Structures are given as C-alpha cells and as structure tokens.
Amino acid sequence: QGVQIRRKYPSMFDALFGVKPEPEWPASEAKQHLD
C-alpha cells in the first residue's frame, strides 16, 4: 500500500452510508510501509 490518504474533514456520504476510515498508522508503522 505504501501510504495512507484521507480527507482532513470527513465526507457527508461516509457518515450517511456508514463508511469508516482505515485506522491511521502510527509514525513507525507508516515508515515501515513506505520502506
């Protein structure tokens, strides 16, 4: 996957249809995914 991407402010459709964002990686895990 390499990196995560997400909106700063959530989408109204995410709430309406129950879409939950992927849990944010800690800094160490984010570096590992990039590596």
All heavy atoms as atom14 arrays in JSON, in Angstrom:
{
  "sequence": "QGVQIRRKYPSMFDALFGVKPEPEWPASEAKQHLD",
  "atom14_mask": [
    [1, 1, 1, 1, 1, 1, 1, 1, 1, 0, 0, 0, 0, 0],
    [1, 1, 1, 1, 0, 0, 0, 0, 0, 0, 0, 0, 0, 0],
    [1, 1, 1, 1, 1, 1, 1, 0, 0, 0, 0, 0, 0, 0],
    [1, 1, 1, 1, 1, 1, 1, 1, 1, 0, 0, 0, 0, 0],
    [1, 1, 1, 1, 1, 1, 1, 1, 0, 0, 0, 0, 0, 0],
    [1, 1, 1, 1, 1, 1, 1, 1, 1, 1, 1, 0, 0, 0],
    [1, 1, 1, 1, 1, 1, 1, 1, 1, 1, 1, 0, 0, 0],
    [1, 1, 1, 1, 1, 1, 1, 1, 1, 0, 0, 0, 0, 0],
    [1, 1, 1, 1, 1, 1, 1, 1, 1, 1, 1, 1, 0, 0],
    [1, 1, 1, 1, 1, 1, 1, 0, 0, 0, 0, 0, 0, 0],
    [1, 1, 1, 1, 1, 1, 0, 0, 0, 0, 0, 0, 0, 0],
    [1, 1, 1, 1, 1, 1, 1, 1, 0, 0, 0, 0, 0, 0],
    [1, 1, 1, 1, 1, 1, 1, 1, 1, 1, 1, 0, 0, 0],
    [1, 1, 1, 1, 1, 1, 1, 1, 0, 0, 0, 0, 0, 0],
    [1, 1, 1, 1, 1, 0, 0, 0, 0, 0, 0, 0, 0, 0],
    [1, 1, 1, 1, 1, 1, 1, 1, 0, 0, 0, 0, 0, 0],
    [1, 1, 1, 1, 1, 1, 1, 1, 1, 1, 1, 0, 0, 0],
    [1, 1, 1, 1, 0, 0, 0, 0, 0, 0, 0, 0, 0, 0],
    [1, 1, 1, 1, 1, 1, 1, 0, 0, 0, 0, 0, 0, 0],
    [1, 1, 1, 1, 1, 1, 1, 1, 1, 0, 0, 0, 0, 0],
    [1, 1, 1, 1, 1, 1, 1, 0, 0, 0, 0, 0, 0, 0],
    [1, 1, 1, 1, 1, 1, 1, 1, 1, 0, 0, 0, 0, 0],
    [1, 1, 1, 1, 1, 1, 1, 0, 0, 0, 0, 0, 0, 0],
    [1, 1, 1, 1, 1, 1, 1, 1, 1, 0, 0, 0, 0, 0],
    [1, 1, 1, 1, 1, 1, 1, 1, 1, 1, 1, 1, 1, 1],
    [1, 1, 1, 1, 1, 1, 1, 0, 0, 0, 0, 0, 0, 0],
    [1, 1, 1, 1, 1, 0, 0, 0, 0, 0, 0, 0, 0, 0],
    [1, 1, 1, 1, 1, 1, 0, 0, 0, 0, 0, 0, 0, 0],
    [1, 1, 1, 1, 1, 1, 1, 1, 1, 0, 0, 0, 0, 0],
    [1, 1, 1, 1, 1, 0, 0, 0, 0, 0, 0, 0, 0, 0],
    [1, 1, 1, 1, 1, 1, 1, 1, 1, 0, 0, 0, 0, 0],
    [1, 1, 1, 1, 1, 1, 1, 1, 1, 0, 0, 0, 0, 0],
    [1, 1, 1, 1, 1, 1, 1, 1, 1, 1, 0, 0, 0, 0],
    [1, 1, 1, 1, 1, 1, 1, 1, 0, 0, 0, 0, 0, 0],
    [1, 1, 1, 1, 1, 1, 1, 1, 0, 0, 0, 0, 0, 0]
  ],
  "atom14_positions": [
    [[0.83, -1.21, 0.0], [0.0, 0.0, 0.0], [0.86, 1.25, 0.0], [0.52, 2.25, -0.63], [-0.94, -0.01, 1.21], [-1.89, 1.16, 1.26], [-2.89, 1.06, 2.41], [-3.22, -0.05, 2.85], [-3.38, 2.19, 2.89], [0.0, 0.0, 0.0], [0.0, 0.0, 0.0], [0.0, 0.0, 0.0], [0.0, 0.0, 0.0], [0.0, 0.0, 0.0]],
    [[1.92, 1.23, 0.73], [2.88, 2.34, 0.73], [2.54, 3.46, 1.68], [3.29, 3.76, 2.61], [0.0, 0.0, 0.0], [0.0, 0.0, 0.0], [0.0, 0.0, 0.0], [0.0, 0.0, 0.0], [0.0, 0.0, 0.0], [0.0, 0.0, 0.0], [0.0, 0.0, 0.0], [0.0, 0.0, 0.0], [0.0, 0.0, 0.0], [0.0, 0.0, 0.0]],
    [[1.41, 4.12, 1.47], [0.98, 5.24, 2.31], [-0.53, 5.19, 2.47], [-1.22, 4.46, 1.76], [1.39, 6.61, 1.72], [2.9, 6.74, 1.63], [0.75, 6.81, 0.34], [0.0, 0.0, 0.0], [0.0, 0.0, 0.0], [0.0, 0.0, 0.0], [0.0, 0.0, 0.0], [0.0, 0.0, 0.0], [0.0, 0.0, 0.0], [0.0, 0.0, 0.0]],
    [[-1.04, 5.95, 3.39], [-2.47, 6.15, 3.55], [-2.85, 7.54, 3.04], [-2.04, 8.47, 3.07], [-2.89, 6.06, 5.02], [-2.77, 4.68, 5.64], [-3.19, 4.7, 7.1], [-2.7, 5.49, 7.88], [-4.12, 3.82, 7.45], [0.0, 0.0, 0.0], [0.0, 0.0, 0.0], [0.0, 0.0, 0.0], [0.0, 0.0, 0.0], [0.0, 0.0, 0.0]],
    [[-4.08, 7.69, 2.58], [-4.6, 9.01, 2.25], [-5.97, 9.16, 2.89], [-6.73, 8.19, 2.99], [-4.67, 9.27, 0.73], [-5.54, 8.21, 0.02], [-3.29, 9.3, 0.12], [-5.76, 8.5, -1.45], [0.0, 0.0, 0.0], [0.0, 0.0, 0.0], [0.0, 0.0, 0.0], [0.0, 0.0, 0.0], [0.0, 0.0, 0.0], [0.0, 0.0, 0.0]],
    [[-6.28, 10.35, 3.34], [-7.57, 10.61, 3.98], [-7.9, 12.09, 3.88], [-7.01, 12.94, 3.75], [-7.58, 10.15, 5.44], [-6.62, 10.91, 6.34], [-6.64, 10.39, 7.77], [-6.14, 9.03, 7.85], [-6.86, 8.01, 8.32], [-8.09, 8.21, 8.74], [-6.35, 6.81, 8.39], [0.0, 0.0, 0.0], [0.0, 0.0, 0.0], [0.0, 0.0, 0.0]],
    [[-9.18, 12.42, 3.97], [-9.62, 13.8, 4.0], [-9.35, 14.42, 5.37], [-9.44, 13.74, 6.39], [-11.13, 13.88, 3.71], [-11.52, 13.58, 2.28], [-13.03, 13.53, 2.11], [-13.73, 14.7, 2.63], [-14.7, 15.34, 2.01], [-15.09, 14.94, 0.81], [-15.31, 16.36, 2.56], [0.0, 0.0, 0.0], [0.0, 0.0, 0.0], [0.0, 0.0, 0.0]],
    [[-9.08, 15.72, 5.37], [-8.96, 16.42, 6.64], [-10.31, 16.52, 7.32], [-10.44, 16.33, 8.53], [-8.38, 17.83, 6.41], [-8.19, 18.64, 7.68], [-7.52, 19.97, 7.4], [-7.3, 20.76, 8.68], [-6.62, 22.06, 8.41], [0.0, 0.0, 0.0], [0.0, 0.0, 0.0], [0.0, 0.0, 0.0], [0.0, 0.0, 0.0], [0.0, 0.0, 0.0]],
    [[-11.34, 16.82, 6.52], [-12.71, 16.87, 7.03], [-13.51, 15.74, 6.37], [-13.46, 15.59, 5.15], [-13.35, 18.23, 6.73], [-12.6, 19.38, 7.34], [-11.85, 20.25, 6.55], [-12.61, 19.58, 8.72], [-11.14, 21.3, 7.11], [-11.9, 20.63, 9.29], [-11.17, 21.49, 8.49], [-10.47, 22.52, 9.05], [0.0, 0.0, 0.0], [0.0, 0.0, 0.0]],
    [[-14.25, 14.96, 7.14], [-14.92, 13.77, 6.59], [-15.96, 14.12, 5.53], [-16.49, 15.23, 5.49], [-15.58, 13.13, 7.82], [-14.87, 13.71, 9.0], [-14.44, 15.09, 8.6], [0.0, 0.0, 0.0], [0.0, 0.0, 0.0], [0.0, 0.0, 0.0], [0.0, 0.0, 0.0], [0.0, 0.0, 0.0], [0.0, 0.0, 0.0], [0.0, 0.0, 0.0]],
    [[-16.26, 13.15, 4.71], [-17.3, 13.29, 3.69], [-18.67, 13.05, 4.32], [-18.83, 12.15, 5.15], [-17.07, 12.28, 2.56], [-18.22, 12.15, 1.75], [0.0, 0.0, 0.0], [0.0, 0.0, 0.0], [0.0, 0.0, 0.0], [0.0, 0.0, 0.0], [0.0, 0.0, 0.0], [0.0, 0.0, 0.0], [0.0, 0.0, 0.0], [0.0, 0.0, 0.0]],
    [[-19.68, 13.81, 3.88], [-21.04, 13.6, 4.38], [-21.55, 12.22, 3.97], [-22.37, 11.62, 4.67], [-21.97, 14.68, 3.87], [-22.22, 14.67, 2.38], [-23.47, 15.91, 1.92], [-23.59, 15.64, 0.15], [0.0, 0.0, 0.0], [0.0, 0.0, 0.0], [0.0, 0.0, 0.0], [0.0, 0.0, 0.0], [0.0, 0.0, 0.0], [0.0, 0.0, 0.0]],
    [[-21.07, 11.7, 2.85], [-21.53, 10.4, 2.39], [-20.96, 9.26, 3.24], [-21.59, 8.22, 3.36], [-21.18, 10.2, 0.92], [-21.91, 11.14, 0.0], [-21.23, 12.16, -0.65], [-23.27, 11.04, -0.18], [-21.9, 13.03, -1.49], [-23.96, 11.9, -1.02], [-23.27, 12.9, -1.67], [0.0, 0.0, 0.0], [0.0, 0.0, 0.0], [0.0, 0.0, 0.0]],
    [[-19.77, 9.46, 3.8], [-19.21, 8.43, 4.67], [-20.13, 8.2, 5.87], [-20.42, 7.06, 6.24], [-17.82, 8.84, 5.16], [-16.79, 8.79, 4.05], [-17.1, 8.26, 2.97], [-15.67, 9.29, 4.26], [0.0, 0.0, 0.0], [0.0, 0.0, 0.0], [0.0, 0.0, 0.0], [0.0, 0.0, 0.0], [0.0, 0.0, 0.0], [0.0, 0.0, 0.0]],
    [[-20.59, 9.29, 6.46], [-21.48, 9.17, 7.62], [-22.83, 8.6, 7.21], [-23.4, 7.76, 7.91], [-21.65, 10.54, 8.28], [0.0, 0.0, 0.0], [0.0, 0.0, 0.0], [0.0, 0.0, 0.0], [0.0, 0.0, 0.0], [0.0, 0.0, 0.0], [0.0, 0.0, 0.0], [0.0, 0.0, 0.0], [0.0, 0.0, 0.0], [0.0, 0.0, 0.0]],
    [[-23.34, 9.04, 6.05], [-24.66, 8.61, 5.61], [-24.71, 7.12, 5.34], [-25.7, 6.44, 5.64], [-25.07, 9.39, 4.37], [-26.51, 9.23, 3.87], [-27.5, 9.69, 4.92], [-26.7, 10.03, 2.58], [0.0, 0.0, 0.0], [0.0, 0.0, 0.0], [0.0, 0.0, 0.0], [0.0, 0.0, 0.0], [0.0, 0.0, 0.0], [0.0, 0.0, 0.0]],
    [[-23.61, 6.58, 4.79], [-23.61, 5.17, 4.39], [-22.69, 4.31, 5.26], [-22.4, 3.16, 4.91], [-23.22, 5.05, 2.92], [-24.21, 5.69, 2.0], [-23.98, 6.93, 1.45], [-25.42, 5.07, 1.73], [-24.9, 7.53, 0.62], [-26.36, 5.66, 0.9], [-26.11, 6.9, 0.35], [0.0, 0.0, 0.0], [0.0, 0.0, 0.0], [0.0, 0.0, 0.0]],
    [[-22.26, 4.85, 6.38], [-21.52, 4.05, 7.34], [-20.14, 3.63, 6.9], [-19.63, 2.58, 7.35], [0.0, 0.0, 0.0], [0.0, 0.0, 0.0], [0.0, 0.0, 0.0], [0.0, 0.0, 0.0], [0.0, 0.0, 0.0], [0.0, 0.0, 0.0], [0.0, 0.0, 0.0], [0.0, 0.0, 0.0], [0.0, 0.0, 0.0], [0.0, 0.0, 0.0]],
    [[-19.49, 4.42, 6.05], [-18.12, 4.11, 5.62], [-17.15, 4.63, 6.67], [-17.14, 5.83, 6.98], [-17.81, 4.74, 4.25], [-16.36, 4.45, 3.84], [-18.77, 4.21, 3.2], [0.0, 0.0, 0.0], [0.0, 0.0, 0.0], [0.0, 0.0, 0.0], [0.0, 0.0, 0.0], [0.0, 0.0, 0.0], [0.0, 0.0, 0.0], [0.0, 0.0, 0.0]],
    [[-16.34, 3.74, 7.22], [-15.4, 4.12, 8.27], [-13.98, 4.13, 7.72], [-13.58, 3.2, 7.01], [-15.5, 3.15, 9.45], [-16.85, 3.2, 10.15], [-16.9, 2.26, 11.34], [-18.27, 2.33, 12.03], [-18.36, 1.41, 13.18], [0.0, 0.0, 0.0], [0.0, 0.0, 0.0], [0.0, 0.0, 0.0], [0.0, 0.0, 0.0], [0.0, 0.0, 0.0]],
    [[-13.2, 5.17, 8.02], [-11.84, 5.23, 7.5], [-10.95, 4.17, 8.14], [-11.19, 3.71, 9.26], [-11.38, 6.65, 7.89], [-12.21, 7.0, 9.08], [-13.54, 6.34, 8.86], [0.0, 0.0, 0.0], [0.0, 0.0, 0.0], [0.0, 0.0, 0.0], [0.0, 0.0, 0.0], [0.0, 0.0, 0.0], [0.0, 0.0, 0.0], [0.0, 0.0, 0.0]],
    [[-9.94, 3.78, 7.4], [-8.94, 2.85, 7.92], [-8.23, 3.5, 9.11], [-7.91, 4.69, 9.06], [-7.94, 2.52, 6.81], [-6.85, 1.56, 7.21], [-5.83, 1.37, 6.1], [-5.91, 2.09, 5.09], [-4.95, 0.5, 6.25], [0.0, 0.0, 0.0], [0.0, 0.0, 0.0], [0.0, 0.0, 0.0], [0.0, 0.0, 0.0], [0.0, 0.0, 0.0]],
    [[-7.99, 2.77, 10.2], [-7.27, 3.36, 11.34], [-5.93, 3.94, 10.89], [-5.21, 3.31, 10.09], [-7.09, 2.18, 12.29], [-8.18, 1.23, 11.94], [-8.39, 1.37, 10.46], [0.0, 0.0, 0.0], [0.0, 0.0, 0.0], [0.0, 0.0, 0.0], [0.0, 0.0, 0.0], [0.0, 0.0, 0.0], [0.0, 0.0, 0.0], [0.0, 0.0, 0.0]],
    [[-5.59, 5.1, 11.39], [-4.36, 5.77, 10.97], [-3.14, 5.05, 11.53], [-3.1, 4.67, 12.7], [-4.37, 7.22, 11.43], [-3.24, 8.05, 10.86], [-3.42, 9.53, 11.12], [-4.42, 9.9, 11.77], [-2.57, 10.32, 10.67], [0.0, 0.0, 0.0], [0.0, 0.0, 0.0], [0.0, 0.0, 0.0], [0.0, 0.0, 0.0], [0.0, 0.0, 0.0]],
    [[-2.15, 4.86, 10.69], [-0.93, 4.19, 11.12], [-0.12, 5.09, 12.05], [0.0, 6.3, 11.8], [-0.05, 3.84, 9.92], [-0.66, 2.9, 8.92], [-1.6, 1.95, 9.16], [-0.34, 2.83, 7.52], [-1.89, 1.26, 8.0], [-1.13, 1.77, 6.98], [0.53, 3.51, 6.68], [-1.08, 1.41, 5.64], [0.59, 3.15, 5.34], [-0.2, 2.12, 4.82]],
    [[0.48, 4.52, 13.07], [1.48, 5.28, 13.84], [2.68, 5.62, 12.96], [2.89, 4.97, 11.92], [1.87, 4.31, 14.96], [0.84, 3.26, 14.98], [0.27, 3.17, 13.6], [0.0, 0.0, 0.0], [0.0, 0.0, 0.0], [0.0, 0.0, 0.0], [0.0, 0.0, 0.0], [0.0, 0.0, 0.0], [0.0, 0.0, 0.0], [0.0, 0.0, 0.0]],
    [[3.48, 6.59, 13.38], [4.61, 7.05, 12.56], [5.57, 5.92, 12.21], [6.04, 5.82, 11.06], [5.34, 8.18, 13.27], [0.0, 0.0, 0.0], [0.0, 0.0, 0.0], [0.0, 0.0, 0.0], [0.0, 0.0, 0.0], [0.0, 0.0, 0.0], [0.0, 0.0, 0.0], [0.0, 0.0, 0.0], [0.0, 0.0, 0.0], [0.0, 0.0, 0.0]],
    [[5.85, 5.06, 13.16], [6.79, 3.97, 12.9], [6.23, 2.99, 11.87], [6.95, 2.5, 11.0], [7.12, 3.23, 14.2], [5.93, 2.7, 14.79], [0.0, 0.0, 0.0], [0.0, 0.0, 0.0], [0.0, 0.0, 0.0], [0.0, 0.0, 0.0], [0.0, 0.0, 0.0], [0.0, 0.0, 0.0], [0.0, 0.0, 0.0], [0.0, 0.0, 0.0]],
    [[4.94, 2.72, 11.97], [4.32, 1.81, 11.01], [4.24, 2.45, 9.63], [4.43, 1.76, 8.61], [2.92, 1.42, 11.49], [2.24, 0.36, 10.63], [0.88, -0.06, 11.17], [0.54, 0.32, 12.31], [0.15, -0.76, 10.43], [0.0, 0.0, 0.0], [0.0, 0.0, 0.0], [0.0, 0.0, 0.0], [0.0, 0.0, 0.0], [0.0, 0.0, 0.0]],
    [[3.97, 3.75, 9.58], [3.92, 4.45, 8.3], [5.27, 4.38, 7.59], [5.34, 4.15, 6.38], [3.5, 5.9, 8.51], [0.0, 0.0, 0.0], [0.0, 0.0, 0.0], [0.0, 0.0, 0.0], [0.0, 0.0, 0.0], [0.0, 0.0, 0.0], [0.0, 0.0, 0.0], [0.0, 0.0, 0.0], [0.0, 0.0, 0.0], [0.0, 0.0, 0.0]],
    [[6.35, 4.55, 8.36], [7.7, 4.46, 7.77], [7.96, 3.06, 7.25], [8.55, 2.87, 6.18], [8.75, 4.85, 8.8], [10.18, 4.82, 8.25], [11.19, 5.21, 9.31], [12.6, 5.24, 8.72], [13.0, 3.97, 8.08], [0.0, 0.0, 0.0], [0.0, 0.0, 0.0], [0.0, 0.0, 0.0], [0.0, 0.0, 0.0], [0.0, 0.0, 0.0]],
    [[7.51, 2.05, 7.99], [7.72, 0.67, 7.56], [6.99, 0.36, 6.26], [7.52, -0.29, 5.37], [7.26, -0.29, 8.66], [7.6, -1.76, 8.39], [9.09, -1.99, 8.29], [9.86, -1.63, 9.19], [9.53, -2.55, 7.16], [0.0, 0.0, 0.0], [0.0, 0.0, 0.0], [0.0, 0.0, 0.0], [0.0, 0.0, 0.0], [0.0, 0.0, 0.0]],
    [[5.76, 0.87, 6.14], [5.01, 0.66, 4.9], [5.7, 1.32, 3.71], [5.76, 0.74, 2.61], [3.59, 1.21, 5.05], [2.64, 0.3, 5.77], [2.1, -0.82, 5.18], [2.15, 0.34, 7.03], [1.31, -1.44, 6.04], [1.32, -0.75, 7.18], [0.0, 0.0, 0.0], [0.0, 0.0, 0.0], [0.0, 0.0, 0.0], [0.0, 0.0, 0.0]],
    [[6.21, 2.53, 3.9], [6.93, 3.21, 2.83], [8.19, 2.44, 2.45], [8.49, 2.24, 1.26], [7.26, 4.64, 3.25], [8.0, 5.5, 2.21], [7.17, 5.66, 0.94], [8.34, 6.87, 2.79], [0.0, 0.0, 0.0], [0.0, 0.0, 0.0], [0.0, 0.0, 0.0], [0.0, 0.0, 0.0], [0.0, 0.0, 0.0], [0.0, 0.0, 0.0]],
    [[8.93, 1.99, 3.45], [10.15, 1.21, 3.2], [9.82, -0.08, 2.46], [10.55, -0.49, 1.54], [10.87, 0.9, 4.51], [11.47, 2.13, 5.18], [11.59, 3.16, 4.49], [11.79, 2.06, 6.38], [0.0, 0.0, 0.0], [0.0, 0.0, 0.0], [0.0, 0.0, 0.0], [0.0, 0.0, 0.0], [0.0, 0.0, 0.0], [0.0, 0.0, 0.0]]
  ]
}
